[in-house]
Structures are given as structure tokens and as C-alpha cells.
């Protein structure tokens, strides 16, 4: 069984190399540059993604430990005080309504018929 895996792996590598040679001979230089750029970009993002996953797992486990360690806070309900009998007894100052603005004047640019 181990020999079959080696043969399969060797044939996959040989096929990949042959395919790369055939495609490389038919592609233009610009297209080859694009393909190489994409491959290098993906290869560069793999370590960064692995680092981000490791950091996320670490922070998630730290959050779960902190959440398990703390207990739920007590629930405090505050009842409102009695309402005043009349508006004159309101402890905050009553504000006057805002003044009415003057109507806006619009000037149309390029309208010389005024």
C-alpha cells in the first residue's frame, strides 16, 4: 500500500510539471506574470491566515475562561418616583418652543430672467 502511494504521488508531480511546461510555453509574458503574481500572493497569505486563526483561538479560549470565572451581576430595578400633580411642580425648567424661521430664498444659477 505504501508503494502505491509513492507511485501516485510521483505521477501527480510529473503530471503537474508537464502541465506547467505546456502552459508556460503557450502563455505570453504578461499572462505568466499575472499567474505568478497570483500564486505568490496566495502563498504569502497562508502564513498570515494561520497566524490570525491561532490568535483567534487563543483569544476565544481566554474569553471563555473569563466568562466562566465571573458570576452574573445582580439585577437592580429602580421604581420611578411619584409624578407631580401639576406642570408647575416640574423640577426642571420649561423651555420655550423654537422660533419660527424665515422662509428660505433660493437663487437658481444661470436664471437671468429675474
Protein backbone atom coordinates (compact mmCIF):
# COMPACT_ATOMS: atom_id res chain seq x y z
CA UNK A 1 0.00 0.00 0.00
CA UNK A 2 2.89 2.34 0.76
CA UNK A 3 4.35 1.73 -2.71
CA UNK A 4 1.05 2.64 -4.36
CA UNK A 5 1.02 6.00 -2.58
CA UNK A 6 4.56 6.75 -3.76
CA UNK A 7 3.66 5.90 -7.35
CA UNK A 8 0.50 8.01 -7.14
CA UNK A 9 2.41 10.96 -5.66
CA UNK A 10 5.20 10.69 -8.26
CA UNK A 11 2.70 10.56 -11.11
CA UNK A 12 0.82 13.59 -9.72
CA UNK A 13 4.06 15.58 -9.52
CA UNK A 14 5.08 14.52 -13.06
CA UNK A 15 1.65 15.49 -14.42
CA UNK A 16 1.82 18.88 -12.69
CA UNK A 17 5.30 19.59 -14.08
CA UNK A 18 4.30 18.54 -17.61
CA UNK A 19 1.15 20.68 -17.43
CA UNK A 20 3.17 23.67 -16.21
CA UNK A 21 5.66 23.29 -19.07
CA UNK A 22 2.92 23.04 -21.71
CA UNK A 23 1.02 26.03 -20.33
CA UNK A 24 4.24 28.03 -19.85
CA UNK A 25 5.22 27.59 -23.50
CA UNK A 26 1.83 28.81 -24.77
CA UNK A 27 1.30 31.79 -22.44
CA UNK A 28 2.51 35.32 -23.12
CA UNK A 29 4.89 37.03 -20.73
CA UNK A 30 2.16 39.28 -19.32
CA UNK A 31 -0.16 36.37 -18.63
CA UNK A 32 2.66 34.43 -17.00
CA UNK A 33 3.42 37.42 -14.77
CA UNK A 34 -0.22 37.55 -13.67
CA UNK A 35 -0.27 33.83 -12.85
CA UNK A 36 3.00 34.05 -10.91
CA UNK A 37 1.70 37.07 -9.00
CA UNK A 38 -1.50 35.27 -8.03
CA UNK A 39 0.41 32.18 -6.90
CA UNK A 40 2.87 34.24 -4.85
CA UNK A 41 0.03 36.26 -3.30
CA UNK A 42 -1.82 33.14 -2.23
CA UNK A 43 1.40 31.63 -0.86
CA UNK A 44 2.09 34.81 1.12
CA UNK A 45 -1.40 34.87 2.62
CA UNK A 46 -1.21 31.33 4.04
CA UNK A 47 1.11 32.14 7.00
CA UNK A 48 -0.84 35.31 7.77
CA UNK A 49 -4.13 33.40 7.79
CA UNK A 50 -2.64 30.70 10.03
CA UNK A 51 -1.41 33.36 12.45
CA UNK A 52 -4.83 35.03 12.53
CA UNK A 53 -6.53 31.70 13.24
CA UNK A 54 -4.10 30.96 16.08
CA UNK A 55 -4.71 34.39 17.62
CA UNK A 56 -8.49 33.99 17.31
CA UNK A 57 -8.41 30.61 19.03
CA UNK A 58 -6.24 31.99 21.81
CA UNK A 59 -8.49 34.99 22.43
CA UNK A 60 -11.62 32.83 22.25
CA UNK A 61 -10.29 30.44 24.88
CA UNK A 62 -9.27 33.38 27.11
CA UNK A 63 -12.78 34.88 26.79
CA UNK A 64 -14.43 31.57 27.65
CA UNK A 65 -12.21 31.20 30.72
CA UNK A 66 -13.00 34.75 31.86
CA UNK A 67 -16.72 34.24 31.24
CA UNK A 68 -16.72 31.02 33.25
CA UNK A 69 -14.82 32.65 36.13
CA UNK A 70 -17.17 35.60 36.63
CA UNK A 71 -20.67 35.26 38.01
CA UNK A 72 -23.70 37.08 36.73
CA UNK A 73 -24.19 40.56 38.18
CA UNK A 74 -27.28 41.17 40.32
CA UNK A 75 -30.30 42.68 38.63
CA UNK A 76 -31.27 46.07 40.12
CA UNK A 77 -34.71 47.53 39.39
CA UNK A 78 -35.37 51.15 40.37
CA UNK A 79 -39.00 52.25 40.67
CA UNK A 80 -39.77 55.78 39.41
CA UNK A 81 -40.79 58.42 41.92
CA UNK A 82 -44.29 59.94 42.12
CA UNK A 83 -45.36 62.22 39.29
CA UNK A 84 -46.08 65.91 40.11
CA UNK A 85 -49.74 66.88 40.38
CA UNK A 86 -49.44 69.88 38.05
CA UNK A 87 -46.97 71.08 35.42
CA UNK A 88 -46.00 73.96 37.72
CA UNK A 89 -44.36 71.48 40.08
CA UNK A 90 -42.00 70.13 37.42
CA UNK A 91 -38.46 70.47 38.86
CA UNK A 92 -36.77 71.16 35.52
CA UNK A 93 -37.15 74.43 33.65
CA UNK A 94 -39.72 74.61 30.87
CA UNK A 95 -38.16 75.65 27.59
CA UNK A 96 -39.81 77.90 25.05
CA UNK A 97 -40.55 76.34 21.67
CA UNK A 98 -38.00 77.17 18.96
CA UNK A 99 -38.58 80.36 17.00
CA UNK A 100 -40.13 80.08 13.56
CA UNK A 101 -37.55 80.51 10.82
CA UNK A 102 -37.98 82.89 7.94
CA UNK A 103 -38.75 81.22 4.61
CA UNK A 104 -35.67 80.33 2.60
CA UNK A 105 -34.83 82.12 -0.61
CA UNK A 106 -33.44 80.11 -3.49
CA UNK A 107 -31.34 81.56 -6.29
CA UNK A 108 -31.08 79.44 -9.41
CA UNK A 109 -27.68 79.72 -11.07
CA UNK A 110 -27.97 80.78 -14.68
CA UNK A 111 -31.53 82.11 -14.32
CA UNK A 112 -31.17 85.70 -15.55
CA UNK A 113 -34.92 86.32 -16.04
CA UNK A 114 -35.41 87.90 -12.59
